[in-house]
Every structure is written in structure tokens, then in C-alpha cells.
Amino acid sequence: MNKLVPVEFKNQRIMTTKILAEQYGTEETNIKTNFNNNKDRFIERKHYYQLTGDELKEFKRVVNDINDPSIKFASILTLWTEKGAARHAKILDTDEAWEVYEELEETYFRVKEVAQNISQLSPELQMFNNLFKALATTELEQKKLNEAITETKEEVQAIKDIIVLNPKAAWRRECNRILNAIGMKLNNYRLPKEEVYQALKERGNCRPNVLVNNLKKRARANGMAPSKVEKLNILDVLENEPRLKEIYVAIVKDMAIKNNVRV
């Protein structure tokens, strides 16, 4: 992932279409096309902001160091929020897009809170400060709950459909799609992958990390480029391990049913 200059709008980190495309390893036109083809899945001021007129002029005035020269001449500018970036990762559905989004989620979109020292305040003011914080926290939690309920209603369609995975046909893509869908629902993309990895270790009675290391050793011995060797993972191992692959696919299917994910 390329290093990003933090840019904020409405007190939250955002990204332009150009920068989002660069991070996801795709073309800007592809992001725009996906948006136009899936407008019903995007909500303005939740997934994106569209700036025009005075609002756009003010944004241009404030933002000077962003690496997107097209902003200078834009008459309409779309800014993507964290939720918007997640939507695009889901639509693109590539390993690169999901990996980049996971990193963005844990770094770029996590604005560091500045701790304030209130020890010098009077006991009365400290009491009011704590009271207001508690009220604010309650309101934010209620807002998040309402948003979660809304999103759930939007996506709960035939939620109990039987998920069929064919291990012989694009199994890697289908498994990744399901794990990423579970990750989006849990708001934690690493957790499902860690869970399936541990389950494979137990059900398959194997040591995945050893299998991956052995595969890398064989690849190096056969002259594979170092950059490609480093990208090898457990899924590459499973390509040549029918028994473990069948177990892995079964685990993913069980997780999908457990988490009510329809793919």
C-alpha cells in the first residue's frame, strides 16, 4: 500500500476516486463504473460525499498537499468514506483490494485521538466532563446500532439459502469471497481467516505454517522468483492437497452458515 497523506472532511478520513483506485490496484474509470452500476448500494454522506460549488471551493482551499492534481480543475468531486472504501473492495472482490482495505481500516481510517489532560480542572468540571463523555458515548453507540440494523435489513435476503461450494471450480475465489463477507459483517477481516486457519489445523491434523514453509523451500529450489515465493500461502499448498482442500472448503461453508452469510 502506498503511503497516504491524511485527508479529512466532516471530521473523518476520506479518499478521492483517483487515490482509492491507486490503492486498490485498479483504474479510476473502473471505480467510477462500479459506482454508477451499483448506485443503489451507496448512500450519500454515509459512503461518499459529492462536492460542488462553494463546498468544493472550500475543500480545495484547505487541502493543498493531497497527491491528486485532478482536484484543481474538478467541478464535481467525490470523496469516499471508510464505508465507501469497503463497498468498493466488496465490488472489486480481488485479493489485493481486500488486503489493502484491511490495512486502510487499521491504519489510515483510524484517526489517533488526542488525549487531553483534565487533571487541572476543578472536581466539578471533571464531573461534568465525565458526564458529557458518557452521554456522548451512549449516543454514538445508539447511532452505530441503528446503522447496523439498517444495513442488516438491506442485506438479509434469502439469508438461509444453502451455500454450495464446488472445490473444483474457482474454490479459492469463492472461499475468499465468503470469508471477506463474514469479515465485513463482523467489522474484522482478520478474524474469519484466523478462525479457518485454526480449524484447518485441528480438523486436518496438520501444521499449516510448516506446509507453507516447505512449499516455499521447494519453490526456491525450482528457481521461482523471490518476490513470488514470498506471496505463497496456505491456499497454494491446498491446490496440491485434495484432502486438506476439501476440509478447508467445508470449514468455510460451516462458517458461512454460522454467520448467516449469503454469497
C-alpha atoms as a PDB file:
ATOM      1  CA  MET A   1       0.000   0.000   0.000  1.00  0.00           C
ATOM      2  CA  ASN A   2       1.333   3.429  -0.960  1.00  0.00           C
ATOM      3  CA  LYS A   3       1.928   5.946   1.821  1.00  0.00           C
ATOM      4  CA  LEU A   4      -1.030   8.297   2.123  1.00  0.00           C
ATOM      5  CA  VAL A   5      -1.271  11.889   3.243  1.00  0.00           C
ATOM      6  CA  PRO A   6      -4.181  12.023   5.728  1.00  0.00           C
ATOM      7  CA  VAL A   7      -7.129  13.989   4.315  1.00  0.00           C
ATOM      8  CA  GLU A   8     -10.251  14.733   6.332  1.00  0.00           C
ATOM      9  CA  PHE A   9     -13.739  16.027   5.574  1.00  0.00           C
ATOM     10  CA  LYS A  10     -16.568  16.388   8.099  1.00  0.00           C
ATOM     11  CA  ASN A  11     -14.200  15.134  10.820  1.00  0.00           C
ATOM     12  CA  GLN A  12     -13.489  11.811   9.131  1.00  0.00           C
ATOM     13  CA  ARG A  13     -10.774  10.420   6.882  1.00  0.00           C
ATOM     14  CA  ILE A  14     -11.703  10.317   3.205  1.00  0.00           C
ATOM     15  CA  MET A  15     -10.141   9.368  -0.152  1.00  0.00           C
ATOM     16  CA  THR A  16     -10.609  10.683  -3.678  1.00  0.00           C
ATOM     17  CA  THR A  17     -11.536   8.333  -6.516  1.00  0.00           C
ATOM     18  CA  LYS A  18      -8.055   8.583  -8.019  1.00  0.00           C
ATOM     19  CA  ILE A  19      -6.300   7.698  -4.770  1.00  0.00           C
ATOM     20  CA  LEU A  20      -8.766   4.896  -3.971  1.00  0.00           C
ATOM     21  CA  ALA A  21      -8.131   3.373  -7.414  1.00  0.00           C
ATOM     22  CA  GLU A  22      -4.361   3.587  -6.958  1.00  0.00           C
ATOM     23  CA  GLN A  23      -4.552   1.876  -3.573  1.00  0.00           C
ATOM     24  CA  TYR A  24      -6.759  -0.942  -4.889  1.00  0.00           C
ATOM     25  CA  GLY A  25      -4.587  -1.512  -7.954  1.00  0.00           C
ATOM     26  CA  THR A  26      -7.268  -0.645 -10.485  1.00  0.00           C
ATOM     27  CA  GLU A  27      -8.198   2.184 -12.866  1.00  0.00           C
ATOM     28  CA  GLU A  28     -10.073   5.308 -11.816  1.00  0.00           C
ATOM     29  CA  THR A  29     -12.621   4.646 -14.577  1.00  0.00           C
ATOM     30  CA  ASN A  30     -13.270   1.222 -13.073  1.00  0.00           C
ATOM     31  CA  ILE A  31     -14.147   2.760  -9.687  1.00  0.00           C
ATOM     32  CA  LYS A  32     -16.496   5.229 -11.403  1.00  0.00           C
ATOM     33  CA  THR A  33     -18.127   2.498 -13.494  1.00  0.00           C
ATOM     34  CA  ASN A  34     -18.661   0.262 -10.464  1.00  0.00           C
ATOM     35  CA  PHE A  35     -20.236   3.183  -8.615  1.00  0.00           C
ATOM     36  CA  ASN A  36     -22.587   4.018 -11.495  1.00  0.00           C
ATOM     37  CA  ASN A  37     -23.594   0.361 -11.844  1.00  0.00           C
ATOM     38  CA  ASN A  38     -24.237  -0.058  -8.109  1.00  0.00           C
ATOM     39  CA  LYS A  39     -25.600   3.342  -7.033  1.00  0.00           C
ATOM     40  CA  ASP A  40     -28.350   1.683  -5.038  1.00  0.00           C
ATOM     41  CA  ARG A  41     -25.689   0.217  -2.742  1.00  0.00           C
ATOM     42  CA  PHE A  42     -24.164   3.597  -1.902  1.00  0.00           C
ATOM     43  CA  ILE A  43     -25.710   6.201   0.388  1.00  0.00           C
ATOM     44  CA  GLU A  44     -24.553   9.808   0.136  1.00  0.00           C
ATOM     45  CA  ARG A  45     -22.963  11.197   3.310  1.00  0.00           C
ATOM     46  CA  LYS A  46     -22.522   7.648   4.572  1.00  0.00           C
ATOM     47  CA  HIS A  47     -20.442   6.005   1.850  1.00  0.00           C
ATOM     48  CA  TYR A  48     -19.417   9.129  -0.042  1.00  0.00           C
ATOM     49  CA  TYR A  49     -19.666  12.914  -0.325  1.00  0.00           C
ATOM     50  CA  GLN A  50     -20.137  14.732  -3.620  1.00  0.00           C
ATOM     51  CA  LEU A  51     -18.787  18.267  -3.521  1.00  0.00           C
ATOM     52  CA  THR A  52     -19.785  21.129  -5.810  1.00  0.00           C
ATOM     53  CA  GLY A  53     -19.889  24.918  -5.705  1.00  0.00           C
ATOM     54  CA  ASP A  54     -18.730  26.706  -2.557  1.00  0.00           C
ATOM     55  CA  GLU A  55     -18.264  23.472  -0.625  1.00  0.00           C
ATOM     56  CA  LEU A  56     -15.826  22.244  -3.281  1.00  0.00           C
ATOM     57  CA  LYS A  57     -14.003  25.592  -3.375  1.00  0.00           C
ATOM     58  CA  GLU A  58     -13.523  25.496   0.386  1.00  0.00           C
ATOM     59  CA  PHE A  59     -12.222  21.926   0.214  1.00  0.00           C
ATOM     60  CA  LYS A  60      -9.708  22.899  -2.484  1.00  0.00           C
ATOM     61  CA  ARG A  61      -8.570  25.825  -0.362  1.00  0.00           C
ATOM     62  CA  VAL A  62      -7.995  23.705   2.730  1.00  0.00           C
ATOM     63  CA  VAL A  63      -6.412  20.694   1.025  1.00  0.00           C
ATOM     64  CA  ASN A  64      -3.077  21.524  -0.550  1.00  0.00           C
ATOM     65  CA  ASP A  65      -0.791  18.511  -0.123  1.00  0.00           C
ATOM     66  CA  ILE A  66      -3.043  15.722  -1.420  1.00  0.00           C
ATOM     67  CA  ASN A  67      -1.495  13.737  -4.277  1.00  0.00           C
ATOM     68  CA  ASP A  68      -4.331  14.234  -6.758  1.00  0.00           C
ATOM     69  CA  PRO A  69      -3.738  17.090  -9.234  1.00  0.00           C
ATOM     70  CA  SER A  70      -7.124  16.493 -10.895  1.00  0.00           C
ATOM     71  CA  ILE A  71      -8.797  18.152  -7.888  1.00  0.00           C
ATOM     72  CA  LYS A  72      -7.615  21.576  -9.022  1.00  0.00           C
ATOM     73  CA  PHE A  73      -9.798  21.558 -12.154  1.00  0.00           C
ATOM     74  CA  ALA A  74     -12.692  19.417 -10.908  1.00  0.00           C
ATOM     75  CA  SER A  75     -16.188  20.942 -10.938  1.00  0.00           C
ATOM     76  CA  ILE A  76     -17.610  17.926  -9.073  1.00  0.00           C
ATOM     77  CA  LEU A  77     -15.563  15.890  -6.623  1.00  0.00           C
ATOM     78  CA  THR A  78     -16.468  12.575  -4.997  1.00  0.00           C
ATOM     79  CA  LEU A  79     -14.904  11.726  -1.635  1.00  0.00           C
ATOM     80  CA  TRP A  80     -15.110   8.176  -0.283  1.00  0.00           C
ATOM     81  CA  THR A  81     -15.532   7.399   3.417  1.00  0.00           C
ATOM     82  CA  GLU A  82     -14.319   4.243   5.160  1.00  0.00           C
ATOM     83  CA  LYS A  83     -17.672   2.561   4.492  1.00  0.00           C
ATOM     84  CA  GLY A  84     -17.482   3.631   0.846  1.00  0.00           C
ATOM     85  CA  ALA A  85     -13.997   2.163   0.507  1.00  0.00           C
ATOM     86  CA  ALA A  86     -15.319  -1.093   1.974  1.00  0.00           C
ATOM     87  CA  ARG A  87     -18.168  -1.164  -0.567  1.00  0.00           C
ATOM     88  CA  HIS A  88     -15.709  -0.755  -3.447  1.00  0.00           C
ATOM     89  CA  ALA A  89     -13.474  -3.522  -2.084  1.00  0.00           C
ATOM     90  CA  LYS A  90     -16.517  -5.808  -1.994  1.00  0.00           C
ATOM     91  CA  ILE A  91     -17.481  -4.917  -5.583  1.00  0.00           C
ATOM     92  CA  LEU A  92     -13.934  -5.308  -6.944  1.00  0.00           C
ATOM     93  CA  ASP A  93     -13.568  -8.536  -4.957  1.00  0.00           C
ATOM     94  CA  THR A  94      -9.840  -9.001  -5.604  1.00  0.00           C
ATOM     95  CA  ASP A  95      -7.324 -10.253  -3.064  1.00  0.00           C
ATOM     96  CA  GLU A  96      -5.329  -7.036  -3.497  1.00  0.00           C
ATOM     97  CA  ALA A  97      -8.341  -4.792  -2.842  1.00  0.00           C
ATOM     98  CA  TRP A  98      -9.323  -6.698   0.303  1.00  0.00           C
ATOM     99  CA  GLU A  99      -5.763  -6.791   1.655  1.00  0.00           C
ATOM    100  CA  VAL A 100      -5.342  -3.056   1.064  1.00  0.00           C
ATOM    101  CA  TYR A 101      -8.714  -2.284   2.677  1.00  0.00           C
ATOM    102  CA  GLU A 102      -7.775  -4.309   5.766  1.00  0.00           C
ATOM    103  CA  GLU A 103      -4.616  -2.224   6.111  1.00  0.00           C
ATOM    104  CA  LEU A 104      -6.501   1.031   5.489  1.00  0.00           C
ATOM    105  CA  GLU A 105      -9.069   0.023   8.093  1.00  0.00           C
ATOM    106  CA  GLU A 106      -6.380  -0.498  10.721  1.00  0.00           C
ATOM    107  CA  THR A 107      -4.209   2.500   9.843  1.00  0.00           C
ATOM    108  CA  TYR A 108      -5.455   5.286   7.574  1.00  0.00           C
ATOM    109  CA  PHE A 109      -9.068   5.326   8.746  1.00  0.00           C
ATOM    110  CA  ARG A 110      -8.109   5.161  12.415  1.00  0.00           C
ATOM    111  CA  VAL A 111      -7.587   8.793  13.437  1.00  0.00           C
ATOM    112  CA  LYS A 112      -5.493   8.954  16.590  1.00  0.00           C
ATOM    113  CA  GLU A 113      -7.339  10.564  19.437  1.00  0.00           C
ATOM    114  CA  VAL A 114      -5.532  13.332  21.227  1.00  0.00           C
ATOM    115  CA  ALA A 115      -5.589  12.727  24.960  1.00  0.00           C
ATOM    116  CA  GLN A 116      -6.471  15.772  26.948  1.00  0.00           C
ATOM    117  CA  ASN A 117      -5.119  16.367  30.415  1.00  0.00           C
ATOM    118  CA  ILE A 118      -8.032  17.332  32.638  1.00  0.00           C
ATOM    119  CA  SER A 119      -6.273  16.818  35.937  1.00  0.00           C
ATOM    120  CA  GLN A 120      -6.017  20.582  36.415  1.00  0.00           C
ATOM    121  CA  LEU A 121      -9.784  21.069  36.218  1.00  0.00           C
ATOM    122  CA  SER A 122     -11.858  21.534  39.343  1.00  0.00           C
ATOM    123  CA  PRO A 123     -13.674  18.425  40.663  1.00  0.00           C
ATOM    124  CA  GLU A 124     -16.982  19.909  39.496  1.00  0.00           C
ATOM    125  CA  LEU A 125     -15.749  20.413  35.915  1.00  0.00           C
ATOM    126  CA  GLN A 126     -14.183  16.963  35.867  1.00  0.00           C
ATOM    127  CA  MET A 127     -17.543  15.540  36.935  1.00  0.00           C
ATOM    128  CA  PHE A 128     -19.360  17.382  34.113  1.00  0.00           C
ATOM    129  CA  ASN A 129     -16.659  16.312  31.659  1.00  0.00           C
ATOM    130  CA  ASN A 130     -17.186  12.653  32.562  1.00  0.00           C
ATOM    131  CA  LEU A 131     -20.953  13.077  32.395  1.00  0.00           C
ATOM    132  CA  PHE A 132     -20.838  14.586  28.890  1.00  0.00           C
ATOM    133  CA  LYS A 133     -18.454  11.872  27.741  1.00  0.00           C
ATOM    134  CA  ALA A 134     -20.839   9.205  28.991  1.00  0.00           C
ATOM    135  CA  LEU A 135     -23.794  10.839  27.221  1.00  0.00           C
ATOM    136  CA  ALA A 136     -21.791  11.210  24.003  1.00  0.00           C
ATOM    137  CA  THR A 137     -20.698   7.572  24.143  1.00  0.00           C
ATOM    138  CA  THR A 138     -24.281   6.410  24.633  1.00  0.00           C
ATOM    139  CA  GLU A 139     -25.498   8.487  21.681  1.00  0.00           C
ATOM    140  CA  LEU A 140     -22.716   7.214  19.411  1.00  0.00           C
ATOM    141  CA  GLU A 141     -23.391   3.605  20.378  1.00  0.00           C
ATOM    142  CA  GLN A 142     -27.094   4.055  19.635  1.00  0.00           C
ATOM    143  CA  LYS A 143     -26.238   5.587  16.265  1.00  0.00           C
ATOM    144  CA  LYS A 144     -23.956   2.663  15.401  1.00  0.00           C
ATOM    145  CA  LEU A 145     -26.668   0.223  16.476  1.00  0.00           C
ATOM    146  CA  ASN A 146     -29.242   1.934  14.239  1.00  0.00           C
ATOM    147  CA  GLU A 147     -26.816   1.858  11.298  1.00  0.00           C
ATOM    148  CA  ALA A 148     -26.105  -1.830  11.892  1.00  0.00           C
ATOM    149  CA  ILE A 149     -29.829  -2.631  11.973  1.00  0.00           C
ATOM    150  CA  THR A 150     -30.367  -0.705   8.732  1.00  0.00           C
ATOM    151  CA  GLU A 151     -27.502  -2.486   6.977  1.00  0.00           C
ATOM    152  CA  THR A 152     -28.741  -5.848   8.201  1.00  0.00           C
ATOM    153  CA  LYS A 153     -32.237  -5.193   6.816  1.00  0.00           C
ATOM    154  CA  GLU A 154     -30.718  -4.212   3.464  1.00  0.00           C
ATOM    155  CA  GLU A 155     -28.701  -7.405   3.167  1.00  0.00           C
ATOM    156  CA  VAL A 156     -30.946 -10.020   4.804  1.00  0.00           C
ATOM    157  CA  GLN A 157     -32.345 -11.614   1.636  1.00  0.00           C
ATOM    158  CA  ALA A 158     -32.712 -15.367   1.473  1.00  0.00           C
ATOM    159  CA  ILE A 159     -30.259 -15.483   4.369  1.00  0.00           C
ATOM    160  CA  LYS A 160     -30.902 -19.178   4.990  1.00  0.00           C
ATOM    161  CA  ASP A 161     -30.113 -20.252   1.436  1.00  0.00           C
ATOM    162  CA  ILE A 162     -27.865 -23.296   1.276  1.00  0.00           C
ATOM    163  CA  ILE A 163     -24.371 -22.263   0.250  1.00  0.00           C
ATOM    164  CA  VAL A 164     -22.878 -24.566  -2.364  1.00  0.00           C
ATOM    165  CA  LEU A 165     -19.136 -24.517  -2.948  1.00  0.00           C
ATOM    166  CA  ASN A 166     -17.555 -26.525  -5.733  1.00  0.00           C
ATOM    167  CA  PRO A 167     -13.957 -27.317  -4.761  1.00  0.00           C
ATOM    168  CA  LYS A 168     -13.076 -27.928  -8.397  1.00  0.00           C
ATOM    169  CA  ALA A 169     -14.337 -24.596  -9.720  1.00  0.00           C
ATOM    170  CA  ALA A 170     -12.738 -21.334  -8.573  1.00  0.00           C
ATOM    171  CA  TRP A 171     -12.728 -22.578  -4.986  1.00  0.00           C
ATOM    172  CA  ARG A 172     -10.146 -20.033  -3.869  1.00  0.00           C
ATOM    173  CA  ARG A 173     -12.171 -17.101  -5.141  1.00  0.00           C
ATOM    174  CA  GLU A 174     -15.397 -18.405  -3.608  1.00  0.00           C
ATOM    175  CA  CYS A 175     -13.794 -19.097  -0.225  1.00  0.00           C
ATOM    176  CA  ASN A 176     -12.160 -15.664  -0.158  1.00  0.00           C
ATOM    177  CA  ARG A 177     -15.467 -14.056  -1.094  1.00  0.00           C
ATOM    178  CA  ILE A 178     -17.252 -15.744   1.815  1.00  0.00           C
ATOM    179  CA  LEU A 179     -14.515 -15.008   4.360  1.00  0.00           C
ATOM    180  CA  ASN A 180     -14.448 -11.357   3.300  1.00  0.00           C
ATOM    181  CA  ALA A 181     -18.246 -11.171   3.567  1.00  0.00           C
ATOM    182  CA  ILE A 182     -18.034 -12.573   7.102  1.00  0.00           C
ATOM    183  CA  GLY A 183     -15.244 -10.106   7.885  1.00  0.00           C
ATOM    184  CA  MET A 184     -17.346  -7.177   6.685  1.00  0.00           C
ATOM    185  CA  LYS A 185     -20.264  -8.327   8.825  1.00  0.00           C
ATOM    186  CA  LEU A 186     -18.034  -8.672  11.905  1.00  0.00           C
ATOM    187  CA  ASN A 187     -16.119  -5.492  11.099  1.00  0.00           C
ATOM    188  CA  ASN A 188     -12.946  -7.562  11.425  1.00  0.00           C
ATOM    189  CA  TYR A 189     -11.436  -9.074   8.284  1.00  0.00           C
ATOM    190  CA  ARG A 190      -8.632 -10.909  10.045  1.00  0.00           C
ATOM    191  CA  LEU A 191     -10.796 -12.871  12.479  1.00  0.00           C
ATOM    192  CA  PRO A 192     -12.509 -15.225   9.930  1.00  0.00           C
ATOM    193  CA  LYS A 193      -9.151 -16.027   8.305  1.00  0.00           C
ATOM    194  CA  GLU A 194      -7.581 -16.790  11.672  1.00  0.00           C
ATOM    195  CA  GLU A 195     -10.577 -18.970  12.568  1.00  0.00           C
ATOM    196  CA  VAL A 196     -10.466 -21.012   9.354  1.00  0.00           C
ATOM    197  CA  TYR A 197      -6.686 -21.381   9.717  1.00  0.00           C
ATOM    198  CA  GLN A 198      -7.030 -22.755  13.267  1.00  0.00           C
ATOM    199  CA  ALA A 199      -9.915 -25.036  12.284  1.00  0.00           C
ATOM    200  CA  LEU A 200      -7.876 -26.445   9.378  1.00  0.00           C
ATOM    201  CA  LYS A 201      -5.033 -27.147  11.789  1.00  0.00           C
ATOM    202  CA  GLU A 202      -7.357 -29.091  14.105  1.00  0.00           C
ATOM    203  CA  ARG A 203      -9.599 -30.887  11.594  1.00  0.00           C
ATOM    204  CA  GLY A 204      -6.828 -31.610   9.129  1.00  0.00           C
ATOM    205  CA  ASN A 205      -4.384 -32.641  11.856  1.00  0.00           C
ATOM    206  CA  CYS A 206      -1.694 -30.585  10.138  1.00  0.00           C
ATOM    207  CA  ARG A 207       0.611 -27.635  10.713  1.00  0.00           C
ATOM    208  CA  PRO A 208      -0.256 -25.053   8.032  1.00  0.00           C
ATOM    209  CA  ASN A 209       2.782 -22.865   8.716  1.00  0.00           C
ATOM    210  CA  VAL A 210       5.125 -25.837   8.194  1.00  0.00           C
ATOM    211  CA  LEU A 211       3.336 -26.774   4.966  1.00  0.00           C
ATOM    212  CA  VAL A 212       3.707 -23.219   3.643  1.00  0.00           C
ATOM    213  CA  ASN A 213       7.392 -23.062   4.576  1.00  0.00           C
ATOM    214  CA  ASN A 214       8.042 -26.390   2.850  1.00  0.00           C
ATOM    215  CA  LEU A 215       6.275 -25.158  -0.278  1.00  0.00           C
ATOM    216  CA  LYS A 216       8.414 -22.011  -0.299  1.00  0.00           C
ATOM    217  CA  LYS A 217      11.584 -24.095   0.029  1.00  0.00           C
ATOM    218  CA  ARG A 218      10.594 -26.230  -2.957  1.00  0.00           C
ATOM    219  CA  ALA A 219       9.701 -23.128  -4.957  1.00  0.00           C
ATOM    220  CA  ARG A 220      13.095 -21.543  -4.266  1.00  0.00           C
ATOM    221  CA  ALA A 221      14.857 -24.775  -5.201  1.00  0.00           C
ATOM    222  CA  ASN A 222      12.974 -24.791  -8.504  1.00  0.00           C
ATOM    223  CA  GLY A 223      14.092 -21.242  -9.302  1.00  0.00           C
ATOM    224  CA  MET A 224      10.917 -19.286  -8.569  1.00  0.00           C
ATOM    225  CA  ALA A 225      11.458 -15.524  -8.249  1.00  0.00           C
ATOM    226  CA  PRO A 226      11.880 -14.446  -4.585  1.00  0.00           C
ATOM    227  CA  SER A 227       9.014 -11.951  -4.872  1.00  0.00           C
ATOM    228  CA  LYS A 228       6.660 -14.736  -5.968  1.00  0.00           C
ATOM    229  CA  VAL A 229       7.931 -17.116  -3.307  1.00  0.00           C
ATOM    230  CA  GLU A 230       7.008 -14.638  -0.572  1.00  0.00           C
ATOM    231  CA  LYS A 231       3.430 -14.457  -1.861  1.00  0.00           C
ATOM    232  CA  LEU A 232       2.842 -18.207  -1.492  1.00  0.00           C
ATOM    233  CA  ASN A 233       0.303 -19.059   1.205  1.00  0.00           C
ATOM    234  CA  ILE A 234      -1.791 -21.883   2.590  1.00  0.00           C
ATOM    235  CA  LEU A 235      -4.172 -21.762  -0.392  1.00  0.00           C
ATOM    236  CA  ASP A 236      -1.268 -22.571  -2.721  1.00  0.00           C
ATOM    237  CA  VAL A 237      -0.496 -25.575  -0.513  1.00  0.00           C
ATOM    238  CA  LEU A 238      -4.098 -26.767  -0.704  1.00  0.00           C
ATOM    239  CA  GLU A 239      -4.000 -26.778  -4.515  1.00  0.00           C
ATOM    240  CA  ASN A 240      -1.927 -29.961  -4.263  1.00  0.00           C
ATOM    241  CA  GLU A 241      -3.562 -31.382  -1.131  1.00  0.00           C
ATOM    242  CA  PRO A 242      -7.067 -32.631  -2.118  1.00  0.00           C
ATOM    243  CA  ARG A 243      -7.909 -33.912   1.367  1.00  0.00           C
ATOM    244  CA  LEU A 244      -6.964 -30.673   3.127  1.00  0.00           C
ATOM    245  CA  LYS A 245      -8.645 -28.604   0.427  1.00  0.00           C
ATOM    246  CA  GLU A 246     -11.906 -30.489   0.945  1.00  0.00           C
ATOM    247  CA  ILE A 247     -11.644 -29.870   4.710  1.00  0.00           C
ATOM    248  CA  TYR A 248     -10.882 -26.169   4.155  1.00  0.00           C
ATOM    249  CA  VAL A 249     -13.895 -25.695   1.868  1.00  0.00           C
ATOM    250  CA  ALA A 250     -16.148 -27.494   4.373  1.00  0.00           C
ATOM    251  CA  ILE A 251     -14.905 -25.219   7.170  1.00  0.00           C
ATOM    252  CA  VAL A 252     -15.648 -22.088   5.130  1.00  0.00           C
ATOM    253  CA  LYS A 253     -19.125 -23.371   4.302  1.00  0.00           C
ATOM    254  CA  ASP A 254     -19.821 -24.057   8.002  1.00  0.00           C
ATOM    255  CA  MET A 255     -18.635 -20.559   8.912  1.00  0.00           C
ATOM    256  CA  ALA A 256     -20.894 -19.019   6.261  1.00  0.00           C
ATOM    257  CA  ILE A 257     -23.948 -20.814   7.644  1.00  0.00           C
ATOM    258  CA  LYS A 258     -22.963 -19.977  11.223  1.00  0.00           C
ATOM    259  CA  ASN A 259     -22.676 -16.261  10.384  1.00  0.00           C
ATOM    260  CA  ASN A 260     -25.804 -16.180   8.159  1.00  0.00           C
ATOM    261  CA  VAL A 261     -23.825 -15.093   5.124  1.00  0.00           C
ATOM    262  CA  ARG A 262     -25.396 -15.448   1.694  1.00  0.00           C
ATOM    263  CA  VAL A 263     -22.978 -15.351  -1.233  1.00  0.00           C
END
